[in-house]
């Protein structure tokens, strides 16, 4: 199963992970939930300190 991370600002508006390192992809997917958590830990210094996030399975997103 693949997982994606959705990040939100303090007002609940979704934030995008636009980044040249990640590439042109509109979403970043991970093989495990732990990998998604590691991604957030690695980039959280570049996000506002009020950001919130959810890790969801791609299956759940399609529903």
PDB file of N, CA and C in Angstrom:
ATOM      1  N   UNK A   1       0.839  -1.167   0.000  1.00  0.00           N
ATOM      2  CA  UNK A   1       0.000   0.000   0.000  1.00  0.00           C
ATOM      3  C   UNK A   1       0.890   1.238   0.000  1.00  0.00           C
ATOM      4  N   UNK A   2       0.474   2.268  -0.691  1.00  0.00           N
ATOM      5  CA  UNK A   2       1.211   3.526  -0.718  1.00  0.00           C
ATOM      6  C   UNK A   2       0.533   4.528   0.201  1.00  0.00           C
ATOM      7  N   UNK A   3       1.338   5.431   0.755  1.00  0.00           N
ATOM      8  CA  UNK A   3       0.844   6.470   1.652  1.00  0.00           C
ATOM      9  C   UNK A   3       1.249   7.831   1.116  1.00  0.00           C
ATOM     10  N   UNK A   4       0.419   8.825   1.369  1.00  0.00           N
ATOM     11  CA  UNK A   4       0.752  10.194   1.016  1.00  0.00           C
ATOM     12  C   UNK A   4       0.594  11.065   2.252  1.00  0.00           C
ATOM     13  N   UNK A   5       1.258  12.224   2.214  1.00  0.00           N
ATOM     14  CA  UNK A   5       1.192  13.173   3.320  1.00  0.00           C
ATOM     15  C   UNK A   5       0.435  14.402   2.834  1.00  0.00           C
ATOM     16  N   UNK A   6      -0.531  14.820   3.601  1.00  0.00           N
ATOM     17  CA  UNK A   6      -1.247  16.063   3.337  1.00  0.00           C
ATOM     18  C   UNK A   6      -0.911  17.012   4.478  1.00  0.00           C
ATOM     19  N   UNK A   7      -0.449  18.212   4.146  1.00  0.00           N
ATOM     20  CA  UNK A   7      -0.103  19.211   5.159  1.00  0.00           C
ATOM     21  C   UNK A   7      -1.094  20.360   5.086  1.00  0.00           C
ATOM     22  N   UNK A   8      -1.388  20.927   6.247  1.00  0.00           N
ATOM     23  CA  UNK A   8      -2.373  21.998   6.344  1.00  0.00           C
ATOM     24  C   UNK A   8      -1.821  23.133   7.190  1.00  0.00           C
ATOM     25  N   UNK A   9      -2.210  24.366   6.836  1.00  0.00           N
ATOM     26  CA  UNK A   9      -1.807  25.492   7.669  1.00  0.00           C
ATOM     27  C   UNK A   9      -2.778  25.614   8.846  1.00  0.00           C
ATOM     28  N   UNK A  10      -2.579  26.615   9.662  1.00  0.00           N
ATOM     29  CA  UNK A  10      -3.381  26.767  10.877  1.00  0.00           C
ATOM     30  C   UNK A  10      -4.866  26.967  10.573  1.00  0.00           C
ATOM     31  N   UNK A  11      -5.178  27.475   9.374  1.00  0.00           N
ATOM     32  CA  UNK A  11      -6.562  27.703   8.982  1.00  0.00           C
ATOM     33  C   UNK A  11      -7.188  26.495   8.290  1.00  0.00           C
ATOM     34  N   UNK A  12      -6.430  25.408   8.176  1.00  0.00           N
ATOM     35  CA  UNK A  12      -6.945  24.201   7.538  1.00  0.00           C
ATOM     36  C   UNK A  12      -6.789  24.163   6.036  1.00  0.00           C
ATOM     37  N   UNK A  13      -6.081  25.147   5.471  1.00  0.00           N
ATOM     38  CA  UNK A  13      -5.842  25.159   4.032  1.00  0.00           C
ATOM     39  C   UNK A  13      -4.688  24.219   3.694  1.00  0.00           C
ATOM     40  N   UNK A  14      -4.878  23.406   2.667  1.00  0.00           N
ATOM     41  CA  UNK A  14      -3.845  22.445   2.295  1.00  0.00           C
ATOM     42  C   UNK A  14      -2.614  23.156   1.751  1.00  0.00           C
ATOM     43  N   UNK A  15      -1.445  22.692   2.171  1.00  0.00           N
ATOM     44  CA  UNK A  15      -0.165  23.225   1.712  1.00  0.00           C
ATOM     45  C   UNK A  15       0.440  22.212   0.751  1.00  0.00           C
ATOM     46  N   UNK A  16       1.109  22.698  -0.307  1.00  0.00           N
ATOM     47  CA  UNK A  16       1.751  21.808  -1.263  1.00  0.00           C
ATOM     48  C   UNK A  16       3.226  21.664  -0.928  1.00  0.00           C
ATOM     49  N   UNK A  17       3.780  20.519  -1.341  1.00  0.00           N
ATOM     50  CA  UNK A  17       5.204  20.258  -1.135  1.00  0.00           C
ATOM     51  C   UNK A  17       5.980  20.537  -2.415  1.00  0.00           C
ATOM     52  N   UNK A  18       5.825  21.723  -2.981  1.00  0.00           N
ATOM     53  CA  UNK A  18       6.561  22.066  -4.191  1.00  0.00           C
ATOM     54  C   UNK A  18       8.035  22.226  -3.871  1.00  0.00           C
ATOM     55  N   UNK A  19       8.874  21.474  -4.556  1.00  0.00           N
ATOM     56  CA  UNK A  19      10.297  21.501  -4.250  1.00  0.00           C
ATOM     57  C   UNK A  19      11.072  20.919  -5.434  1.00  0.00           C
ATOM     58  N   UNK A  20      12.140  21.566  -5.821  1.00  0.00           N
ATOM     59  CA  UNK A  20      12.940  21.081  -6.943  1.00  0.00           C
ATOM     60  C   UNK A  20      13.580  19.730  -6.638  1.00  0.00           C
ATOM     61  N   UNK A  21      13.867  19.458  -5.384  1.00  0.00           N
ATOM     62  CA  UNK A  21      14.484  18.182  -5.029  1.00  0.00           C
ATOM     63  C   UNK A  21      13.486  17.039  -5.222  1.00  0.00           C
ATOM     64  N   UNK A  22      12.239  17.276  -4.856  1.00  0.00           N
ATOM     65  CA  UNK A  22      11.210  16.251  -5.009  1.00  0.00           C
ATOM     66  C   UNK A  22      10.864  16.056  -6.471  1.00  0.00           C
ATOM     67  N   UNK A  23      10.890  17.123  -7.236  1.00  0.00           N
ATOM     68  CA  UNK A  23      10.601  17.016  -8.657  1.00  0.00           C
ATOM     69  C   UNK A  23       9.273  17.661  -9.009  1.00  0.00           C
ATOM     70  N   UNK A  24       8.804  17.334 -10.179  1.00  0.00           N
ATOM     71  CA  UNK A  24       7.585  17.946 -10.706  1.00  0.00           C
ATOM     72  C   UNK A  24       6.323  17.249 -10.231  1.00  0.00           C
ATOM     73  N   UNK A  25       6.441  16.181  -9.468  1.00  0.00           N
ATOM     74  CA  UNK A  25       5.274  15.439  -9.014  1.00  0.00           C
ATOM     75  C   UNK A  25       4.362  16.329  -8.179  1.00  0.00           C
ATOM     76  N   UNK A  26       3.049  16.146  -8.336  1.00  0.00           N
ATOM     77  CA  UNK A  26       2.099  16.914  -7.543  1.00  0.00           C
ATOM     78  C   UNK A  26       1.913  16.320  -6.164  1.00  0.00           C
ATOM     79  N   UNK A  27       2.224  15.041  -5.991  1.00  0.00           N
ATOM     80  CA  UNK A  27       2.127  14.423  -4.680  1.00  0.00           C
ATOM     81  C   UNK A  27       3.347  13.549  -4.447  1.00  0.00           C
ATOM     82  N   UNK A  28       3.667  13.388  -3.207  1.00  0.00           N
ATOM     83  CA  UNK A  28       4.784  12.547  -2.822  1.00  0.00           C
ATOM     84  C   UNK A  28       4.187  11.323  -2.157  1.00  0.00           C
ATOM     85  N   UNK A  29       4.565  10.125  -2.629  1.00  0.00           N
ATOM     86  CA  UNK A  29       4.016   8.905  -2.018  1.00  0.00           C
ATOM     87  C   UNK A  29       5.137   8.085  -1.401  1.00  0.00           C
ATOM     88  N   UNK A  30       4.759   7.262  -0.430  1.00  0.00           N
ATOM     89  CA  UNK A  30       5.710   6.474   0.348  1.00  0.00           C
ATOM     90  C   UNK A  30       5.226   5.038   0.438  1.00  0.00           C
ATOM     91  N   UNK A  31       6.157   4.120   0.571  1.00  0.00           N
ATOM     92  CA  UNK A  31       5.824   2.706   0.676  1.00  0.00           C
ATOM     93  C   UNK A  31       5.278   2.334   2.048  1.00  0.00           C
ATOM     94  N   UNK A  32       5.707   3.055   3.084  1.00  0.00           N
ATOM     95  CA  UNK A  32       5.261   2.745   4.446  1.00  0.00           C
ATOM     96  C   UNK A  32       4.870   4.029   5.168  1.00  0.00           C
ATOM     97  N   UNK A  33       4.070   3.879   6.199  1.00  0.00           N
ATOM     98  CA  UNK A  33       3.681   5.021   7.014  1.00  0.00           C
ATOM     99  C   UNK A  33       4.901   5.596   7.740  1.00  0.00           C
ATOM    100  N   UNK A  34       5.820   4.726   8.129  1.00  0.00           N
ATOM    101  CA  UNK A  34       7.041   5.172   8.818  1.00  0.00           C
ATOM    102  C   UNK A  34       7.890   6.057   7.895  1.00  0.00           C
ATOM    103  N   UNK A  35       7.944   5.717   6.624  1.00  0.00           N
ATOM    104  CA  UNK A  35       8.693   6.535   5.662  1.00  0.00           C
ATOM    105  C   UNK A  35       8.066   7.923   5.536  1.00  0.00           C
ATOM    106  N   UNK A  36       6.746   7.984   5.548  1.00  0.00           N
ATOM    107  CA  UNK A  36       6.052   9.269   5.477  1.00  0.00           C
ATOM    108  C   UNK A  36       6.362  10.109   6.720  1.00  0.00           C
ATOM    109  N   UNK A  37       6.365   9.487   7.887  1.00  0.00           N
ATOM    110  CA  UNK A  37       6.712  10.187   9.136  1.00  0.00           C
ATOM    111  C   UNK A  37       8.137  10.735   9.058  1.00  0.00           C
ATOM    112  N   UNK A  38       9.049   9.949   8.534  1.00  0.00           N
ATOM    113  CA  UNK A  38      10.444  10.389   8.413  1.00  0.00           C
ATOM    114  C   UNK A  38      10.557  11.584   7.485  1.00  0.00           C
ATOM    115  N   UNK A  39       9.777  11.595   6.408  1.00  0.00           N
ATOM    116  CA  UNK A  39       9.763  12.723   5.481  1.00  0.00           C
ATOM    117  C   UNK A  39       9.352  13.998   6.221  1.00  0.00           C
ATOM    118  N   UNK A  40       8.271  13.929   6.972  1.00  0.00           N
ATOM    119  CA  UNK A  40       7.792  15.100   7.718  1.00  0.00           C
ATOM    120  C   UNK A  40       8.857  15.571   8.705  1.00  0.00           C
ATOM    121  N   UNK A  41       9.465  14.649   9.420  1.00  0.00           N
ATOM    122  CA  UNK A  41      10.511  15.033  10.377  1.00  0.00           C
ATOM    123  C   UNK A  41      11.666  15.730   9.672  1.00  0.00           C
ATOM    124  N   UNK A  42      11.976  15.280   8.451  1.00  0.00           N
ATOM    125  CA  UNK A  42      13.084  15.858   7.703  1.00  0.00           C
ATOM    126  C   UNK A  42      12.819  17.242   7.144  1.00  0.00           C
ATOM    127  N   UNK A  43      11.556  17.553   6.835  1.00  0.00           N
ATOM    128  CA  UNK A  43      11.278  18.853   6.226  1.00  0.00           C
ATOM    129  C   UNK A  43      10.573  19.839   7.155  1.00  0.00           C
ATOM    130  N   UNK A  44      10.225  19.417   8.347  1.00  0.00           N
ATOM    131  CA  UNK A  44       9.414  20.297   9.192  1.00  0.00           C
ATOM    132  C   UNK A  44      10.098  21.613   9.533  1.00  0.00           C
ATOM    133  N   UNK A  45      11.419  21.669   9.485  1.00  0.00           N
ATOM    134  CA  UNK A  45      12.121  22.921   9.755  1.00  0.00           C
ATOM    135  C   UNK A  45      11.831  23.976   8.693  1.00  0.00           C
ATOM    136  N   UNK A  46      11.402  23.551   7.503  1.00  0.00           N
ATOM    137  CA  UNK A  46      11.128  24.508   6.433  1.00  0.00           C
ATOM    138  C   UNK A  46       9.639  24.861   6.325  1.00  0.00           C
ATOM    139  N   UNK A  47       8.816  24.299   7.184  1.00  0.00           N
ATOM    140  CA  UNK A  47       7.391  24.593   7.195  1.00  0.00           C
ATOM    141  C   UNK A  47       7.054  25.498   8.378  1.00  0.00           C
ATOM    142  N   UNK A  48       5.948  26.227   8.296  1.00  0.00           N
ATOM    143  CA  UNK A  48       5.559  27.053   9.452  1.00  0.00           C
ATOM    144  C   UNK A  48       5.370  26.182  10.688  1.00  0.00           C
ATOM    145  N   UNK A  49       5.672  26.714  11.846  1.00  0.00           N
ATOM    146  CA  UNK A  49       5.571  25.903  13.061  1.00  0.00           C
ATOM    147  C   UNK A  49       4.129  25.575  13.430  1.00  0.00           C
ATOM    148  N   UNK A  50       3.171  26.148  12.736  1.00  0.00           N
ATOM    149  CA  UNK A  50       1.758  25.870  13.005  1.00  0.00           C
ATOM    150  C   UNK A  50       1.173  24.814  12.063  1.00  0.00           C
ATOM    151  N   UNK A  51       2.001  24.239  11.174  1.00  0.00           N
ATOM    152  CA  UNK A  51       1.458  23.287  10.212  1.00  0.00           C
ATOM    153  C   UNK A  51       0.977  22.019  10.903  1.00  0.00           C
ATOM    154  N   UNK A  52      -0.014  21.413  10.286  1.00  0.00           N
ATOM    155  CA  UNK A  52      -0.542  20.131  10.735  1.00  0.00           C
ATOM    156  C   UNK A  52      -0.463  19.194   9.543  1.00  0.00           C
ATOM    157  N   UNK A  53      -0.488  17.898   9.801  1.00  0.00           N
ATOM    158  CA  UNK A  53      -0.430  16.970   8.681  1.00  0.00           C
ATOM    159  C   UNK A  53      -1.212  15.701   8.976  1.00  0.00           C
ATOM    160  N   UNK A  54      -1.546  15.001   7.896  1.00  0.00           N
ATOM    161  CA  UNK A  54      -2.197  13.697   7.967  1.00  0.00           C
ATOM    162  C   UNK A  54      -1.462  12.776   7.017  1.00  0.00           C
ATOM    163  N   UNK A  55      -1.275  11.546   7.432  1.00  0.00           N
ATOM    164  CA  UNK A  55      -0.740  10.513   6.545  1.00  0.00           C
ATOM    165  C   UNK A  55      -1.917   9.611   6.208  1.00  0.00           C
ATOM    166  N   UNK A  56      -2.199   9.496   4.931  1.00  0.00           N
ATOM    167  CA  UNK A  56      -3.335   8.685   4.512  1.00  0.00           C
ATOM    168  C   UNK A  56      -2.900   7.690   3.449  1.00  0.00           C
ATOM    169  N   UNK A  57      -3.597   6.579   3.383  1.00  0.00           N
ATOM    170  CA  UNK A  57      -3.294   5.612   2.333  1.00  0.00           C
ATOM    171  C   UNK A  57      -3.897   6.107   1.043  1.00  0.00           C
ATOM    172  N   UNK A  58      -3.271   5.789  -0.066  1.00  0.00           N
ATOM    173  CA  UNK A  58      -3.794   6.212  -1.361  1.00  0.00           C
ATOM    174  C   UNK A  58      -5.167   5.593  -1.600  1.00  0.00           C
ATOM    175  N   UNK A  59      -5.416   4.397  -1.051  1.00  0.00           N
ATOM    176  CA  UNK A  59      -6.720   3.770  -1.176  1.00  0.00           C
ATOM    177  C   UNK A  59      -7.795   4.635  -0.538  1.00  0.00           C
ATOM    178  N   UNK A  60      -7.518   5.152   0.666  1.00  0.00           N
ATOM    179  CA  UNK A  60      -8.487   5.986   1.384  1.00  0.00           C
ATOM    180  C   UNK A  60      -8.735   7.293   0.652  1.00  0.00           C
ATOM    181  N   UNK A  61      -7.711   7.841  -0.006  1.00  0.00           N
ATOM    182  CA  UNK A  61      -7.865   9.104  -0.719  1.00  0.00           C
ATOM    183  C   UNK A  61      -8.824   8.944  -1.896  1.00  0.00           C
ATOM    184  N   UNK A  62      -8.827   7.793  -2.513  1.00  0.00           N
ATOM    185  CA  UNK A  62      -9.661   7.553  -3.685  1.00  0.00           C
ATOM    186  C   UNK A  62     -11.128   7.379  -3.335  1.00  0.00           C
ATOM    187  N   UNK A  63     -11.436   7.152  -2.085  1.00  0.00           N
ATOM    188  CA  UNK A  63     -12.832   6.918  -1.672  1.00  0.00           C
ATOM    189  C   UNK A  63     -13.606   8.203  -1.564  1.00  0.00           C
TER     190      UNK A  63
END
